[in-house]
PDB file of N, CA and C in Angstrom:
ATOM      1  N   MET A   1      23.692   7.109 -26.561  1.00  0.00           N
ATOM      2  CA  MET A   1      23.011   7.309 -26.658  1.00  0.00           C
ATOM      3  C   MET A   1      22.200   5.691 -26.414  1.00  0.00           C
ATOM      4  N   LYS A   2      22.240   4.956 -27.960  1.00  0.00           N
ATOM      5  CA  LYS A   2      21.420   3.988 -27.643  1.00  0.00           C
ATOM      6  C   LYS A   2      22.332   3.047 -25.794  1.00  0.00           C
ATOM      7  N   LEU A   3      23.177   2.561 -26.254  1.00  0.00           N
ATOM      8  CA  LEU A   3      23.813   2.042 -24.795  1.00  0.00           C
ATOM      9  C   LEU A   3      23.428   1.989 -23.178  1.00  0.00           C
ATOM     10  N   ILE A   4      22.655   3.951 -23.519  1.00  0.00           N
ATOM     11  CA  ILE A   4      22.182   3.833 -22.270  1.00  0.00           C
ATOM     12  C   ILE A   4      20.314   2.926 -21.971  1.00  0.00           C
ATOM     13  N   PHE A   5      19.711   2.752 -24.103  1.00  0.00           N
ATOM     14  CA  PHE A   5      19.145   2.659 -23.822  1.00  0.00           C
ATOM     15  C   PHE A   5      18.953   0.583 -23.401  1.00  0.00           C
ATOM     16  N   LEU A   6      19.779   0.331 -24.032  1.00  0.00           N
ATOM     17  CA  LEU A   6      19.992  -1.022 -24.131  1.00  0.00           C
ATOM     18  C   LEU A   6      20.188  -1.005 -22.460  1.00  0.00           C
ATOM     19  N   THR A   7      21.152  -0.774 -22.063  1.00  0.00           N
ATOM     20  CA  THR A   7      22.123  -1.065 -20.221  1.00  0.00           C
ATOM     21  C   THR A   7      19.971  -0.968 -19.550  1.00  0.00           C
ATOM     22  N   LEU A   8      19.388   0.355 -19.838  1.00  0.00           N
ATOM     23  CA  LEU A   8      17.830   0.139 -18.555  1.00  0.00           C
ATOM     24  C   LEU A   8      17.022  -0.721 -19.557  1.00  0.00           C
ATOM     25  N   CYS A   9      16.856  -1.417 -20.601  1.00  0.00           N
ATOM     26  CA  CYS A   9      16.484  -2.288 -20.519  1.00  0.00           C
ATOM     27  C   CYS A   9      16.379  -3.634 -19.870  1.00  0.00           C
ATOM     28  N   THR A  10      18.314  -3.994 -20.122  1.00  0.00           N
ATOM     29  CA  THR A  10      18.750  -5.856 -19.588  1.00  0.00           C
ATOM     30  C   THR A  10      18.056  -4.900 -17.980  1.00  0.00           C
ATOM     31  N   VAL A  11      18.478  -4.097 -17.346  1.00  0.00           N
ATOM     32  CA  VAL A  11      18.258  -3.815 -15.673  1.00  0.00           C
ATOM     33  C   VAL A  11      16.517  -3.766 -16.086  1.00  0.00           C
ATOM     34  N   LEU A  12      15.580  -3.472 -16.967  1.00  0.00           N
ATOM     35  CA  LEU A  12      14.345  -3.930 -16.285  1.00  0.00           C
ATOM     36  C   LEU A  12      14.434  -5.483 -16.658  1.00  0.00           C
ATOM     37  N   GLU A  13      14.898  -5.837 -17.537  1.00  0.00           N
ATOM     38  CA  GLU A  13      14.426  -7.174 -18.139  1.00  0.00           C
ATOM     39  C   GLU A  13      14.389  -8.467 -16.595  1.00  0.00           C
ATOM     40  N   ILE A  14      15.486  -7.293 -15.929  1.00  0.00           N
ATOM     41  CA  ILE A  14      16.495  -8.444 -14.578  1.00  0.00           C
ATOM     42  C   ILE A  14      15.287  -7.917 -13.491  1.00  0.00           C
ATOM     43  N   LEU A  15      14.530  -6.356 -13.132  1.00  0.00           N
ATOM     44  CA  LEU A  15      14.510  -6.147 -12.546  1.00  0.00           C
ATOM     45  C   LEU A  15      13.033  -7.239 -12.424  1.00  0.00           C
ATOM     46  N   ASN A  16      12.240  -7.668 -13.925  1.00  0.00           N
ATOM     47  CA  ASN A  16      10.786  -7.694 -14.144  1.00  0.00           C
ATOM     48  C   ASN A  16      10.692  -8.778 -13.581  1.00  0.00           C
ATOM     49  N   ARG A  17      12.298  -9.871 -13.810  1.00  0.00           N
ATOM     50  CA  ARG A  17      11.641 -10.634 -13.476  1.00  0.00           C
ATOM     51  C   ARG A  17      12.703 -11.377 -12.227  1.00  0.00           C
ATOM     52  N   ARG A  18      12.417 -10.354 -11.296  1.00  0.00           N
ATOM     53  CA  ARG A  18      13.013 -10.943  -9.868  1.00  0.00           C
ATOM     54  C   ARG A  18      11.384 -10.617  -9.193  1.00  0.00           C
ATOM     55  N   HIS A  19      11.031  -9.740  -9.802  1.00  0.00           N
ATOM     56  CA  HIS A  19       9.823  -8.954  -9.172  1.00  0.00           C
ATOM     57  C   HIS A  19       8.876  -9.946  -9.959  1.00  0.00           C
ATOM     58  N   SER A  20       8.568 -10.494 -10.564  1.00  0.00           N
ATOM     59  CA  SER A  20       6.985 -11.865 -11.578  1.00  0.00           C
ATOM     60  C   SER A  20       6.432 -11.879 -10.760  1.00  0.00           C
ATOM     61  N   ASN A  21       7.109 -12.570  -9.764  1.00  0.00           N
ATOM     62  CA  ASN A  21       6.543 -13.207  -8.550  1.00  0.00           C
ATOM     63  C   ASN A  21       5.423 -12.419  -7.787  1.00  0.00           C
ATOM     64  N   ASN A  22       6.136 -11.620  -7.049  1.00  0.00           N
ATOM     65  CA  ASN A  22       5.520 -10.761  -5.876  1.00  0.00           C
ATOM     66  C   ASN A  22       4.830  -9.776  -6.808  1.00  0.00           C
ATOM     67  N   SER A  23       4.958  -8.676  -7.932  1.00  0.00           N
ATOM     68  CA  SER A  23       4.087  -7.503  -8.190  1.00  0.00           C
ATOM     69  C   SER A  23       3.571  -8.134  -9.597  1.00  0.00           C
ATOM     70  N   SER A  24       3.175  -7.916 -10.558  1.00  0.00           N
ATOM     71  CA  SER A  24       2.688  -7.760 -11.751  1.00  0.00           C
ATOM     72  C   SER A  24       3.426  -7.958 -12.544  1.00  0.00           C
ATOM     73  N   LYS A  25       3.474  -8.608 -13.741  1.00  0.00           N
ATOM     74  CA  LYS A  25       5.165  -8.754 -15.781  1.00  0.00           C
ATOM     75  C   LYS A  25       5.237  -7.748 -15.715  1.00  0.00           C
ATOM     76  N   ARG A  26       3.190  -6.498 -16.106  1.00  0.00           N
ATOM     77  CA  ARG A  26       4.090  -5.299 -17.141  1.00  0.00           C
ATOM     78  C   ARG A  26       4.138  -4.270 -16.184  1.00  0.00           C
ATOM     79  N   LEU A  27       5.145  -4.122 -15.705  1.00  0.00           N
ATOM     80  CA  LEU A  27       5.306  -3.072 -15.021  1.00  0.00           C
ATOM     81  C   LEU A  27       5.444  -1.798 -16.237  1.00  0.00           C
ATOM     82  N   LEU A  28       6.254  -2.016 -17.388  1.00  0.00           N
ATOM     83  CA  LEU A  28       5.746  -0.987 -18.352  1.00  0.00           C
ATOM     84  C   LEU A  28       5.068  -1.421 -19.549  1.00  0.00           C
ATOM     85  N   PRO A  29       4.536   0.112 -20.133  1.00  0.00           N
ATOM     86  CA  PRO A  29       3.975  -1.003 -21.049  1.00  0.00           C
ATOM     87  C   PRO A  29       4.141  -1.302 -21.956  1.00  0.00           C
ATOM     88  N   LYS A  30       3.792  -1.596 -22.935  1.00  0.00           N
ATOM     89  CA  LYS A  30       4.750  -2.092 -24.017  1.00  0.00           C
ATOM     90  C   LYS A  30       5.031  -0.261 -24.888  1.00  0.00           C
ATOM     91  N   GLY A  31       4.273   0.049 -25.079  1.00  0.00           N
ATOM     92  CA  GLY A  31       4.516   1.661 -25.985  1.00  0.00           C
ATOM     93  C   GLY A  31       5.568   1.674 -25.723  1.00  0.00           C
ATOM     94  N   ILE A  32       5.912   2.104 -24.671  1.00  0.00           N
ATOM     95  CA  ILE A  32       7.623   2.303 -23.899  1.00  0.00           C
ATOM     96  C   ILE A  32       8.610   1.420 -24.401  1.00  0.00           C
ATOM     97  N   TYR A  33       8.707   0.036 -24.102  1.00  0.00           N
ATOM     98  CA  TYR A  33       9.611  -0.597 -25.545  1.00  0.00           C
ATOM     99  C   TYR A  33       9.420  -0.233 -26.418  1.00  0.00           C
ATOM    100  N   LYS A  34       8.623  -0.521 -27.390  1.00  0.00           N
ATOM    101  CA  LYS A  34       8.681   0.107 -28.944  1.00  0.00           C
ATOM    102  C   LYS A  34       9.167   1.030 -29.168  1.00  0.00           C
ATOM    103  N   GLN A  35       8.848   2.369 -28.095  1.00  0.00           N
ATOM    104  CA  GLN A  35       9.706   3.175 -29.076  1.00  0.00           C
ATOM    105  C   GLN A  35      11.069   3.158 -28.234  1.00  0.00           C
ATOM    106  N   ILE A  36      11.978   2.604 -27.639  1.00  0.00           N
ATOM    107  CA  ILE A  36      13.104   2.288 -27.449  1.00  0.00           C
ATOM    108  C   ILE A  36      13.907   1.611 -28.446  1.00  0.00           C
ATOM    109  N   ARG A  37      12.977   0.308 -29.056  1.00  0.00           N
ATOM    110  CA  ARG A  37      13.556  -0.239 -30.105  1.00  0.00           C
ATOM    111  C   ARG A  37      13.249   0.602 -31.143  1.00  0.00           C
ATOM    112  N   LYS A  38      12.526   0.733 -31.197  1.00  0.00           N
ATOM    113  CA  LYS A  38      13.085   2.315 -32.645  1.00  0.00           C
ATOM    114  C   LYS A  38      14.019   3.021 -32.092  1.00  0.00           C
TER     115      LYS A  38
END
């Protein structure tokens, strides 16, 4: 399960970097990242 969360995090980070210029940088709230890191 941890591998799935890590892959999702990496993909989300890449998407955030690509769309940071167009849309807002905060696509997901910080609460979700805190829950995933736990």
